[in-house]
C-alpha atoms as a PDB file:
ATOM      1  CA  MET A   1       4.108 -20.894 -46.009  1.00  0.00           C
ATOM      2  CA  VAL A   2       5.123 -21.751 -42.356  1.00  0.00           C
ATOM      3  CA  PHE A   3       5.073 -18.757 -39.793  1.00  0.00           C
ATOM      4  CA  GLY A   4       4.253 -18.321 -35.951  1.00  0.00           C
ATOM      5  CA  GLY A   5       4.736 -16.392 -33.260  1.00  0.00           C
ATOM      6  CA  LEU A   6       8.024 -16.070 -31.341  1.00  0.00           C
ATOM      7  CA  VAL A   7      10.152 -13.231 -29.473  1.00  0.00           C
ATOM      8  CA  LEU A   8      12.220 -11.009 -31.633  1.00  0.00           C
ATOM      9  CA  VAL A   9      15.911 -11.965 -30.696  1.00  0.00           C
ATOM     10  CA  GLU A  10      18.983 -11.080 -32.919  1.00  0.00           C
ATOM     11  CA  ALA A  11      19.950 -14.426 -33.683  1.00  0.00           C
ATOM     12  CA  ARG A  12      16.542 -14.824 -36.071  1.00  0.00           C
ATOM     13  CA  THR A  13      16.697 -11.549 -37.573  1.00  0.00           C
ATOM     14  CA  ASP A  14      19.642 -13.105 -39.723  1.00  0.00           C
ATOM     15  CA  MET A  15      17.554 -15.931 -40.786  1.00  0.00           C
ATOM     16  CA  PHE A  16      14.468 -15.269 -40.788  1.00  0.00           C
ATOM     17  CA  GLU A  17      11.517 -12.661 -42.279  1.00  0.00           C
ATOM     18  CA  PHE A  18       9.220 -11.111 -39.663  1.00  0.00           C
ATOM     19  CA  ILE A  19       6.512  -8.936 -39.355  1.00  0.00           C
ATOM     20  CA  TYR A  20       5.495  -7.230 -36.484  1.00  0.00           C
ATOM     21  CA  LEU A  21       3.255  -3.917 -37.236  1.00  0.00           C
ATOM     22  CA  HIS A  22      -0.126  -5.518 -36.176  1.00  0.00           C
ATOM     23  CA  LEU A  23       1.090  -5.244 -32.714  1.00  0.00           C
ATOM     24  CA  LEU A  24      -0.344  -2.530 -30.410  1.00  0.00           C
ATOM     25  CA  ASP A  25       2.815  -2.175 -28.438  1.00  0.00           C
ATOM     26  CA  GLN A  26       5.753  -3.928 -27.015  1.00  0.00           C
ATOM     27  CA  ASP A  27       5.792  -6.942 -24.824  1.00  0.00           C
ATOM     28  CA  SER A  28       7.607  -6.591 -21.680  1.00  0.00           C
ATOM     29  CA  LEU A  29       9.626  -8.325 -18.833  1.00  0.00           C
ATOM     30  CA  VAL A  30       8.264  -7.295 -15.396  1.00  0.00           C
ATOM     31  CA  TYR A  31       8.709  -7.242 -11.263  1.00  0.00           C
ATOM     32  CA  LEU A  32       6.155  -8.781  -9.784  1.00  0.00           C
ATOM     33  CA  VAL A  33       5.675  -8.437  -6.012  1.00  0.00           C
ATOM     34  CA  LYS A  34       2.816  -8.748  -3.619  1.00  0.00           C
ATOM     35  CA  LYS A  35       0.887  -5.595  -3.001  1.00  0.00           C
ATOM     36  CA  ALA A  36       1.190  -3.905  -0.120  1.00  0.00           C
ATOM     37  CA  GLY A  37      -2.038  -4.459   2.729  1.00  0.00           C
ATOM     38  CA  ARG A  38      -3.492  -2.581   5.586  1.00  0.00           C
ATOM     39  CA  VAL A  39      -1.621  -1.963   9.152  1.00  0.00           C
ATOM     40  CA  GLN A  40      -2.832  -3.259  11.700  1.00  0.00           C
ATOM     41  CA  PRO A  41      -5.853  -1.612  13.289  1.00  0.00           C
ATOM     42  CA  TRP A  42      -3.498  -1.122  16.659  1.00  0.00           C
ATOM     43  CA  ARG A  43      -0.867   0.623  14.967  1.00  0.00           C
ATOM     44  CA  ASN A  44      -3.563   3.309  13.190  1.00  0.00           C
ATOM     45  CA  MET A  45      -3.395   5.236  16.605  1.00  0.00           C
ATOM     46  CA  TYR A  46       0.207   6.096  16.203  1.00  0.00           C
ATOM     47  CA  LEU A  47       0.078   6.565  12.257  1.00  0.00           C
ATOM     48  CA  VAL A  48      -1.484   9.066  11.804  1.00  0.00           C
ATOM     49  CA  PHE A  49       1.171  11.810  13.010  1.00  0.00           C
ATOM     50  CA  GLN A  50       4.563  11.364  11.297  1.00  0.00           C
ATOM     51  CA  VAL A  51       7.932  10.966  13.642  1.00  0.00           C
ATOM     52  CA  ASP A  52       8.398  14.520  13.579  1.00  0.00           C
ATOM     53  CA  VAL A  53       4.749  15.656  14.425  1.00  0.00           C
ATOM     54  CA  TRP A  54       5.019  13.823  17.791  1.00  0.00           C
ATOM     55  CA  LEU A  55       8.648  15.175  18.735  1.00  0.00           C
ATOM     56  CA  THR A  56       7.293  18.572  17.916  1.00  0.00           C
ATOM     57  CA  LEU A  57       4.386  17.996  20.347  1.00  0.00           C
ATOM     58  CA  PHE A  58       6.763  16.620  23.041  1.00  0.00           C
ATOM     59  CA  LEU A  59       8.890  19.435  22.974  1.00  0.00           C
ATOM     60  CA  ILE A  60       6.010  21.767  23.127  1.00  0.00           C
ATOM     61  CA  PHE A  61       4.339  20.180  25.943  1.00  0.00           C
ATOM     62  CA  LEU A  62       8.043  19.931  27.728  1.00  0.00           C
ATOM     63  CA  LEU A  63       9.057  23.637  26.872  1.00  0.00           C
ATOM     64  CA  TYR A  64       5.135  24.920  28.645  1.00  0.00           C
ATOM     65  CA  PHE A  65       5.611  22.573  31.541  1.00  0.00           C
ATOM     66  CA  LEU A  66       9.145  24.317  32.196  1.00  0.00           C
ATOM     67  CA  LEU A  67       6.999  27.391  31.753  1.00  0.00           C
ATOM     68  CA  PHE A  68       4.451  26.931  34.066  1.00  0.00           C
ATOM     69  CA  VAL A  69       7.411  25.550  37.116  1.00  0.00           C
ATOM     70  CA  LEU A  70       9.448  28.680  36.125  1.00  0.00           C
ATOM     71  CA  PHE A  71       6.439  31.586  36.808  1.00  0.00           C
ATOM     72  CA  PHE A  72       4.731  29.642  39.701  1.00  0.00           C
ATOM     73  CA  ARG A  73       6.913  26.891  41.484  1.00  0.00           C
ATOM     74  CA  PRO A  74       3.786  25.067  41.908  1.00  0.00           C
ATOM     75  CA  LYS A  75       4.591  22.796  44.957  1.00  0.00           C
ATOM     76  CA  ASP A  76       3.089  19.566  43.008  1.00  0.00           C
ATOM     77  CA  LYS A  77       4.342  19.453  39.846  1.00  0.00           C
ATOM     78  CA  SER A  78       2.123  16.749  38.881  1.00  0.00           C
ATOM     79  CA  TRP A  79      -0.875  18.830  39.041  1.00  0.00           C
ATOM     80  CA  VAL A  80       0.342  20.573  36.598  1.00  0.00           C
ATOM     81  CA  VAL A  81       1.231  17.844  33.985  1.00  0.00           C
ATOM     82  CA  LEU A  82      -2.135  16.694  34.736  1.00  0.00           C
ATOM     83  CA  LYS A  83      -3.619  19.810  34.293  1.00  0.00           C
ATOM     84  CA  MET A  84      -1.870  20.312  30.772  1.00  0.00           C
ATOM     85  CA  LEU A  85      -2.697  16.742  30.309  1.00  0.00           C
ATOM     86  CA  SER A  86      -6.736  17.268  30.549  1.00  0.00           C
ATOM     87  CA  PHE A  87      -6.565  20.452  28.203  1.00  0.00           C
ATOM     88  CA  MET A  88      -4.981  18.254  26.006  1.00  0.00           C
ATOM     89  CA  PHE A  89      -8.156  15.876  25.792  1.00  0.00           C
ATOM     90  CA  SER A  90     -10.586  19.102  25.929  1.00  0.00           C
ATOM     91  CA  SER A  91     -11.230  18.388  29.504  1.00  0.00           C
ATOM     92  CA  GLY A  92     -12.871  21.953  30.545  1.00  0.00           C
ATOM     93  CA  THR A  93     -11.518  23.570  34.040  1.00  0.00           C
ATOM     94  CA  GLY A  94     -11.836  26.458  36.001  1.00  0.00           C
ATOM     95  CA  ILE A  95      -8.574  28.717  35.254  1.00  0.00           C
ATOM     96  CA  ARG A  96      -7.576  30.652  38.259  1.00  0.00           C
ATOM     97  CA  GLY A  97      -5.055  33.262  39.155  1.00  0.00           C
ATOM     98  CA  SER A  98      -3.573  36.193  37.757  1.00  0.00           C
ATOM     99  CA  PHE A  99      -4.054  37.559  33.896  1.00  0.00           C
ATOM    100  CA  PHE A 100      -0.693  36.521  33.383  1.00  0.00           C
ATOM    101  CA  LYS A 101      -1.226  32.980  34.616  1.00  0.00           C
ATOM    102  CA  ARG A 102      -4.567  32.494  32.713  1.00  0.00           C
ATOM    103  CA  SER A 103      -2.885  33.912  29.781  1.00  0.00           C
ATOM    104  CA  ILE A 104      -0.381  31.321  29.504  1.00  0.00           C
ATOM    105  CA  PHE A 105      -2.642  28.579  30.439  1.00  0.00           C
ATOM    106  CA  ILE A 106      -4.769  29.768  28.050  1.00  0.00           C
ATOM    107  CA  ALA A 107      -2.107  29.574  25.187  1.00  0.00           C
ATOM    108  CA  TRP A 108      -1.409  26.095  26.135  1.00  0.00           C
ATOM    109  CA  VAL A 109      -4.980  25.332  25.680  1.00  0.00           C
ATOM    110  CA  TRP A 110      -5.252  26.894  22.080  1.00  0.00           C
ATOM    111  CA  CYS A 111      -2.317  24.590  21.047  1.00  0.00           C
ATOM    112  CA  SER A 112      -3.456  21.643  22.842  1.00  0.00           C
ATOM    113  CA  TYR A 113      -6.812  22.339  20.811  1.00  0.00           C
ATOM    114  CA  PHE A 114      -4.950  22.533  17.989  1.00  0.00           C
ATOM    115  CA  PHE A 115      -3.222  19.246  18.276  1.00  0.00           C
ATOM    116  CA  SER A 116      -5.938  17.499  19.872  1.00  0.00           C
ATOM    117  CA  SER A 117      -8.541  18.524  16.565  1.00  0.00           C
ATOM    118  CA  TYR A 118      -6.311  17.569  14.118  1.00  0.00           C
ATOM    119  CA  TYR A 119      -5.092  13.912  15.200  1.00  0.00           C
ATOM    120  CA  GLN A 120      -9.143  13.384  16.068  1.00  0.00           C
ATOM    121  CA  SER A 121      -9.686  14.459  12.316  1.00  0.00           C
ATOM    122  CA  THR A 122      -7.000  12.482  10.766  1.00  0.00           C
ATOM    123  CA  PHE A 123      -7.865   9.624  12.916  1.00  0.00           C
ATOM    124  CA  SER A 124     -11.239   9.989  11.951  1.00  0.00           C
ATOM    125  CA  SER A 125     -10.416   9.844   7.738  1.00  0.00           C
ATOM    126  CA  VAL A 126      -8.634   6.353   8.372  1.00  0.00           C
ATOM    127  CA  THR A 127     -11.878   4.729   8.395  1.00  0.00           C
ATOM    128  CA  THR A 128     -12.436   5.722   4.413  1.00  0.00           C
ATOM    129  CA  HIS A 129      -9.094   5.984   3.520  1.00  0.00           C
ATOM    130  CA  PRO A 130      -6.863   3.369   5.464  1.00  0.00           C
ATOM    131  CA  LEU A 131      -3.751   3.776   6.043  1.00  0.00           C
ATOM    132  CA  MET A 132      -0.945   1.189   4.307  1.00  0.00           C
ATOM    133  CA  GLU A 133       2.346  -0.927   4.617  1.00  0.00           C
ATOM    134  CA  HIS A 134       4.888   0.331   2.739  1.00  0.00           C
ATOM    135  CA  GLN A 135       4.795  -0.699  -1.027  1.00  0.00           C
ATOM    136  CA  ILE A 136       7.636  -2.292  -2.532  1.00  0.00           C
ATOM    137  CA  ALA A 137       7.993  -0.238  -5.497  1.00  0.00           C
ATOM    138  CA  THR A 138      11.508  -0.001  -7.190  1.00  0.00           C
ATOM    139  CA  VAL A 139      14.389  -2.471  -7.920  1.00  0.00           C
ATOM    140  CA  GLU A 140      16.230  -1.014  -5.208  1.00  0.00           C
ATOM    141  CA  ASP A 141      13.591  -1.844  -2.841  1.00  0.00           C
ATOM    142  CA  LEU A 142      14.028  -5.154  -3.504  1.00  0.00           C
ATOM    143  CA  GLU A 143      17.379  -5.099  -2.596  1.00  0.00           C
ATOM    144  CA  ARG A 144      16.943  -3.473   0.146  1.00  0.00           C
ATOM    145  CA  TYR A 145      14.086  -5.576   1.933  1.00  0.00           C
ATOM    146  CA  ASN A 146      16.112  -8.941   0.528  1.00  0.00           C
ATOM    147  CA  LEU A 147      13.286 -10.160  -1.462  1.00  0.00           C
ATOM    148  CA  LYS A 148      14.139 -13.403  -3.113  1.00  0.00           C
ATOM    149  CA  SER A 149      13.545 -14.122  -6.542  1.00  0.00           C
ATOM    150  CA  CYS A 150      10.924 -17.177  -7.242  1.00  0.00           C
ATOM    151  CA  VAL A 151      11.106 -17.515 -11.116  1.00  0.00           C
ATOM    152  CA  SER A 152       9.280 -19.703 -13.421  1.00  0.00           C
ATOM    153  CA  GLU A 153      12.072 -21.922 -15.537  1.00  0.00           C
ATOM    154  CA  THR A 154       9.885 -20.519 -18.424  1.00  0.00           C
ATOM    155  CA  ILE A 155      11.803 -16.949 -18.179  1.00  0.00           C
ATOM    156  CA  LEU A 156      14.911 -18.094 -16.739  1.00  0.00           C
ATOM    157  CA  ASP A 157      15.032 -19.701 -20.425  1.00  0.00           C
ATOM    158  CA  TYR A 158      13.995 -16.371 -21.928  1.00  0.00           C
ATOM    159  CA  ILE A 159      16.490 -14.536 -19.740  1.00  0.00           C
ATOM    160  CA  GLU A 160      19.653 -16.781 -20.979  1.00  0.00           C
ATOM    161  CA  ALA A 161      17.966 -16.709 -24.154  1.00  0.00           C
ATOM    162  CA  THR A 162      17.879 -12.569 -25.090  1.00  0.00           C
ATOM    163  CA  LEU A 163      20.027 -11.414 -21.930  1.00  0.00           C
ATOM    164  CA  HIS A 164      22.813 -13.994 -21.081  1.00  0.00           C
ATOM    165  CA  ASP A 165      22.388 -13.728 -17.655  1.00  0.00           C
ATOM    166  CA  LYS A 166      20.117 -15.156 -15.373  1.00  0.00           C
ATOM    167  CA  GLN A 167      22.560 -15.893 -12.179  1.00  0.00           C
ATOM    168  CA  ARG A 168      20.325 -13.071 -10.189  1.00  0.00           C
ATOM    169  CA  PHE A 169      17.567 -15.016 -10.776  1.00  0.00           C
ATOM    170  CA  GLU A 170      16.687 -18.331  -9.224  1.00  0.00           C
ATOM    171  CA  THR A 171      13.806 -20.517  -9.105  1.00  0.00           C
ATOM    172  CA  ARG A 172      12.310 -22.965  -6.484  1.00  0.00           C
ATOM    173  CA  GLU A 173      10.002 -25.802  -6.301  1.00  0.00           C
ATOM    174  CA  GLN A 174       6.531 -24.215  -5.761  1.00  0.00           C
ATOM    175  CA  CYS A 175       7.449 -21.436  -9.255  1.00  0.00           C
ATOM    176  CA  LYS A 176       8.870 -24.187 -11.774  1.00  0.00           C
ATOM    177  CA  LEU A 177       5.609 -23.308 -13.905  1.00  0.00           C
ATOM    178  CA  TYR A 178       4.807 -19.763 -15.003  1.00  0.00           C
ATOM    179  CA  LEU A 179       1.274 -19.089 -13.192  1.00  0.00           C
ATOM    180  CA  ASP A 180       2.498 -21.106 -10.107  1.00  0.00           C
ATOM    181  CA  SER A 181       5.580 -18.519  -9.907  1.00  0.00           C
ATOM    182  CA  ILE A 182       2.985 -15.948  -9.492  1.00  0.00           C
ATOM    183  CA  GLN A 183       0.561 -17.654  -7.682  1.00  0.00           C
ATOM    184  CA  PHE A 184       3.469 -18.515  -4.734  1.00  0.00           C
ATOM    185  CA  VAL A 185       4.457 -14.823  -4.444  1.00  0.00           C
ATOM    186  CA  SER A 186       0.739 -13.399  -3.956  1.00  0.00           C
ATOM    187  CA  GLN A 187       0.369 -16.010  -1.279  1.00  0.00           C
ATOM    188  CA  SER A 188       3.715 -15.450   0.354  1.00  0.00           C
ATOM    189  CA  GLU A 189       4.447 -12.714   3.106  1.00  0.00           C
ATOM    190  CA  HIS A 190       6.472 -10.025   0.805  1.00  0.00           C
ATOM    191  CA  GLU A 191       9.307 -12.792   0.611  1.00  0.00           C
ATOM    192  CA  TYR A 192       9.310 -13.265  -2.611  1.00  0.00           C
ATOM    193  CA  PHE A 193       9.064 -11.718  -6.016  1.00  0.00           C
ATOM    194  CA  THR A 194       8.410 -12.961  -9.823  1.00  0.00           C
ATOM    195  CA  VAL A 195       9.799 -12.016 -13.287  1.00  0.00           C
ATOM    196  CA  VAL A 196       6.351 -12.432 -15.554  1.00  0.00           C
ATOM    197  CA  HIS A 197       5.777 -11.081 -19.823  1.00  0.00           C
ATOM    198  CA  PHE A 198       3.110  -8.093 -19.031  1.00  0.00           C
ATOM    199  CA  HIS A 199       1.089  -9.058 -21.628  1.00  0.00           C
ATOM    200  CA  LYS A 200       0.240 -12.175 -20.521  1.00  0.00           C
ATOM    201  CA  TYR A 201      -0.030 -11.589 -16.833  1.00  0.00           C
ATOM    202  CA  GLN A 202      -2.510  -8.705 -17.910  1.00  0.00           C
ATOM    203  CA  TYR A 203      -5.125 -11.763 -19.231  1.00  0.00           C
ATOM    204  CA  TYR A 204      -4.967 -13.555 -16.338  1.00  0.00           C
ATOM    205  CA  LYS A 205      -4.693 -11.204 -13.509  1.00  0.00           C
ATOM    206  CA  LEU A 206      -7.986 -11.608 -12.358  1.00  0.00           C
ATOM    207  CA  ASP A 207      -6.890 -15.117 -11.062  1.00  0.00           C
ATOM    208  CA  TYR A 208      -5.152 -13.347  -8.022  1.00  0.00           C
ATOM    209  CA  TYR A 209      -7.481 -11.004  -7.403  1.00  0.00           C
ATOM    210  CA  ASN A 210      -9.120 -11.368  -3.762  1.00  0.00           C
ATOM    211  CA  GLU A 211     -12.669 -12.249  -3.201  1.00  0.00           C
ATOM    212  CA  TYR A 212     -13.968  -8.678  -3.425  1.00  0.00           C
ATOM    213  CA  GLY A 213     -11.953  -7.648  -6.793  1.00  0.00           C
ATOM    214  CA  GLU A 214      -8.788  -6.043  -5.343  1.00  0.00           C
ATOM    215  CA  GLU A 215      -5.220  -7.085  -6.936  1.00  0.00           C
ATOM    216  CA  THR A 216      -2.746  -8.883  -5.087  1.00  0.00           C
ATOM    217  CA  MET A 217       0.034  -8.130  -7.050  1.00  0.00           C
ATOM    218  CA  TYR A 218       2.247  -4.910  -8.117  1.00  0.00           C
ATOM    219  CA  LYS A 219       4.009  -4.161 -10.741  1.00  0.00           C
ATOM    220  CA  LEU A 220       7.360  -2.199 -10.886  1.00  0.00           C
ATOM    221  CA  ASP A 221       7.269   0.458 -13.168  1.00  0.00           C
ATOM    222  CA  LYS A 222      11.007  -0.288 -14.613  1.00  0.00           C
ATOM    223  CA  PRO A 223      10.803  -3.343 -16.754  1.00  0.00           C
ATOM    224  CA  ILE A 224      13.584  -5.655 -17.079  1.00  0.00           C
ATOM    225  CA  TYR A 225      13.662  -6.034 -20.904  1.00  0.00           C
ATOM    226  CA  SER A 226      11.411  -4.763 -23.607  1.00  0.00           C
ATOM    227  CA  SER A 227      10.570  -7.170 -26.460  1.00  0.00           C
ATOM    228  CA  LEU A 228       8.271  -8.082 -29.887  1.00  0.00           C
ATOM    229  CA  ASN A 229       6.339 -11.258 -30.281  1.00  0.00           C
ATOM    230  CA  CYS A 230       6.699 -11.317 -34.424  1.00  0.00           C
ATOM    231  CA  ILE A 231       5.197 -13.744 -37.221  1.00  0.00           C
ATOM    232  CA  TYR A 232       8.019 -15.345 -39.017  1.00  0.00           C
ATOM    233  CA  PHE A 233       8.723 -16.471 -42.728  1.00  0.00           C
ATOM    234  CA  TYR A 234      11.353 -17.925 -44.201  1.00  0.00           C
ATOM    235  CA  LYS A 235      14.505 -15.872 -45.339  1.00  0.00           C
ATOM    236  CA  GLY A 236      13.335 -14.633 -48.961  1.00  0.00           C
ATOM    237  CA  PHE A 237       9.973 -14.739 -48.325  1.00  0.00           C
ATOM    238  CA  PRO A 238       8.381 -12.603 -51.853  1.00  0.00           C
ATOM    239  CA  PHE A 239       5.083 -11.664 -49.836  1.00  0.00           C
ATOM    240  CA  ILE A 240       6.751 -10.178 -46.781  1.00  0.00           C
ATOM    241  CA  ASP A 241       6.237  -6.109 -47.417  1.00  0.00           C
ATOM    242  CA  LYS A 242       2.583  -6.933 -48.291  1.00  0.00           C
ATOM    243  CA  LEU A 243       1.967  -8.633 -45.349  1.00  0.00           C
ATOM    244  CA  GLN A 244       3.725  -5.937 -43.299  1.00  0.00           C
ATOM    245  CA  MET A 245       1.231  -3.564 -44.914  1.00  0.00           C
ATOM    246  CA  HIS A 246      -1.484  -5.460 -44.360  1.00  0.00           C
ATOM    247  CA  ALA A 247      -0.860  -6.143 -40.326  1.00  0.00           C
ATOM    248  CA  LEU A 248      -0.601  -2.780 -40.548  1.00  0.00           C
ATOM    249  CA  ARG A 249      -4.072  -2.070 -41.666  1.00  0.00           C
ATOM    250  CA  VAL A 250      -5.642  -4.638 -39.135  1.00  0.00           C
ATOM    251  CA  ARG A 251      -4.020  -2.841 -36.414  1.00  0.00           C
ATOM    252  CA  GLU A 252      -4.737   0.530 -37.389  1.00  0.00           C
ATOM    253  CA  ASN A 253      -8.395  -0.379 -38.431  1.00  0.00           C
ATOM    254  CA  GLY A 254      -8.873  -1.533 -34.590  1.00  0.00           C
ATOM    255  CA  MET A 255      -9.175  -4.747 -35.473  1.00  0.00           C
ATOM    256  CA  ILE A 256      -6.629  -5.948 -32.906  1.00  0.00           C
ATOM    257  CA  ASN A 257      -7.809  -4.155 -30.028  1.00  0.00           C
ATOM    258  CA  ALA A 258     -11.494  -5.115 -30.985  1.00  0.00           C
ATOM    259  CA  HIS A 259     -10.186  -8.874 -30.805  1.00  0.00           C
ATOM    260  CA  MET A 260      -7.820  -8.636 -27.253  1.00  0.00           C
ATOM    261  CA  SER A 261     -11.178  -6.945 -25.835  1.00  0.00           C
ATOM    262  CA  ARG A 262     -13.474  -9.843 -26.806  1.00  0.00           C
ATOM    263  CA  LEU A 263     -10.951 -12.126 -25.533  1.00  0.00           C
ATOM    264  CA  TYR A 264     -10.424 -10.509 -22.133  1.00  0.00           C
ATOM    265  CA  ARG A 265     -14.345 -10.279 -21.863  1.00  0.00           C
ATOM    266  CA  GLU A 266     -14.908 -14.053 -22.248  1.00  0.00           C
ATOM    267  CA  PHE A 267     -12.341 -14.319 -20.089  1.00  0.00           C
ATOM    268  CA  GLN A 268     -13.485 -12.220 -17.222  1.00  0.00           C
ATOM    269  CA  ILE A 269     -17.244 -13.416 -17.197  1.00  0.00           C
ATOM    270  CA  HIS A 270     -16.613 -16.206 -15.414  1.00  0.00           C
ATOM    271  CA  TYR A 271     -15.310 -14.158 -12.282  1.00  0.00           C
ATOM    272  CA  LYS A 272     -17.740 -13.344  -9.445  1.00  0.00           C
ATOM    273  CA  PHE A 273     -16.597 -11.078  -6.582  1.00  0.00           C
ATOM    274  CA  LYS A 274     -17.911  -9.799  -3.630  1.00  0.00           C
ATOM    275  CA  THR A 275     -19.113  -6.308  -2.966  1.00  0.00           C
ATOM    276  CA  LYS A 276     -18.259  -5.352   0.634  1.00  0.00           C
ATOM    277  CA  ASP A 277     -20.970  -3.930   2.776  1.00  0.00           C
ATOM    278  CA  SER A 278     -21.230  -3.106   6.029  1.00  0.00           C
ATOM    279  CA  LYS A 279     -20.519  -6.871   7.808  1.00  0.00           C
ATOM    280  CA  GLU A 280     -17.358  -7.976   5.685  1.00  0.00           C
ATOM    281  CA  LEU A 281     -15.660  -4.121   6.145  1.00  0.00           C
ATOM    282  CA  GLU A 282     -12.579  -4.590   7.973  1.00  0.00           C
ATOM    283  CA  VAL A 283     -12.682  -2.580  11.150  1.00  0.00           C
ATOM    284  CA  LEU A 284      -9.890   0.108  10.895  1.00  0.00           C
ATOM    285  CA  VAL A 285     -10.299   1.494  14.399  1.00  0.00           C
ATOM    286  CA  PRO A 286      -9.306  -0.485  17.638  1.00  0.00           C
ATOM    287  CA  TRP A 287     -12.841  -0.528  19.098  1.00  0.00           C
ATOM    288  CA  HIS A 288     -11.889  -2.514  22.232  1.00  0.00           C
ATOM    289  CA  LEU A 289      -9.225  -0.642  22.763  1.00  0.00           C
ATOM    290  CA  LEU A 290     -11.875   3.045  22.797  1.00  0.00           C
ATOM    291  CA  GLY A 291     -14.215   0.746  24.835  1.00  0.00           C
ATOM    292  CA  LEU A 292     -11.821   0.296  27.605  1.00  0.00           C
ATOM    293  CA  GLY A 293     -10.666   3.692  27.684  1.00  0.00           C
ATOM    294  CA  SER A 294     -13.978   4.636  27.850  1.00  0.00           C
ATOM    295  CA  CYS A 295     -15.003   2.133  30.703  1.00  0.00           C
ATOM    296  CA  LEU A 296     -11.957   3.062  32.638  1.00  0.00           C
ATOM    297  CA  SER A 297     -12.873   7.161  32.284  1.00  0.00           C
ATOM    298  CA  THR A 298     -16.558   6.562  33.297  1.00  0.00           C
ATOM    299  CA  LEU A 299     -15.212   4.277  36.367  1.00  0.00           C
ATOM    300  CA  VAL A 300     -12.681   7.566  37.354  1.00  0.00           C
ATOM    301  CA  PHE A 301     -15.858   9.807  36.825  1.00  0.00           C
ATOM    302  CA  VAL A 302     -18.008   7.870  38.828  1.00  0.00           C
ATOM    303  CA  GLY A 303     -15.402   7.518  41.610  1.00  0.00           C
ATOM    304  CA  GLU A 304     -14.593  11.183  41.656  1.00  0.00           C
ATOM    305  CA  ILE A 305     -18.425  11.627  42.493  1.00  0.00           C
ATOM    306  CA  LEU A 306     -18.472   9.370  45.368  1.00  0.00           C
ATOM    307  CA  ILE A 307     -15.250  10.812  46.410  1.00  0.00           C
ATOM    308  CA  LYS A 308     -16.292  14.200  46.652  1.00  0.00           C
ATOM    309  CA  LYS A 309     -19.708  13.177  48.668  1.00  0.00           C
ATOM    310  CA  PHE A 310     -17.740  10.935  50.778  1.00  0.00           C
ATOM    311  CA  ASN A 311     -15.859  14.047  51.988  1.00  0.00           C
ATOM    312  CA  ASP A 312     -18.957  16.555  51.587  1.00  0.00           C
ATOM    313  CA  ASN A 313     -20.149  14.147  54.554  1.00  0.00           C
ATOM    314  CA  ASN A 314     -17.312  13.997  56.303  1.00  0.00           C
ATOM    315  CA  LYS A 315     -17.014  17.927  56.818  1.00  0.00           C
ATOM    316  CA  SER A 316     -20.737  18.150  57.611  1.00  0.00           C
ATOM    317  CA  LYS A 317     -20.085  15.782  60.691  1.00  0.00           C
END
């Protein structure tokens, strides 16, 4: 008896007997791309709001500014802008004037407080739920972002044998070997994609985790091709039906699943990943910008106090 596990293709079905009922599920040919990372820390400052929110805020600010200028006709229009900005950043100040004037200012205080509170709460949540770059997740994204293929020679031969079309894929010197193609894509800057057998990647995927046990590769949902890896016998093999039944029993009683879990566990115990602590966590908030802003505001505050004292001394003289 001669047998072996090979991909089921139409040409082999006419020449061999085969069994496949031992398989847990079908294998598939899938796209792999590099997983999207976190955005640059400084980009968190404006990405917490969508473009339409920023545009709405700008239009409301402009509308209130025009109302103030139209109804009160101040001599110094820059004073109105600074006053509105101070309310937006929750800077307290007294509001003088008529009831109508104070009502308009209070309406702006409420509106600016809403935007400020929402921005600060969203910005604070970034520390625990960081913003991510756009994840390439569809075949259309591959074309839209002009990703180049980096497929191993083994997969190219497989595609040619099953799909009779390998023109849309190409290999490179760094991707000729199967596992090297995955390694190369995982280290690229979102410029390449590769094609692999899903179950084989599942077995080796820990090789492509980072030091903290996080995946660096992303599988596109839509597979290229589904396949079966069958055990072949010569044509007319007399015990094919009996072996097919035994293969089904082995699968149904969980022996195949237990064996695969054991193999995966034996492979997994060789990996030791780090645990992130406070020193190793990536700083998501640009503290240097916040520190610079705090220093500048402190200097301005001290300067205002000194200028006020200087003016008071001059008046007393």
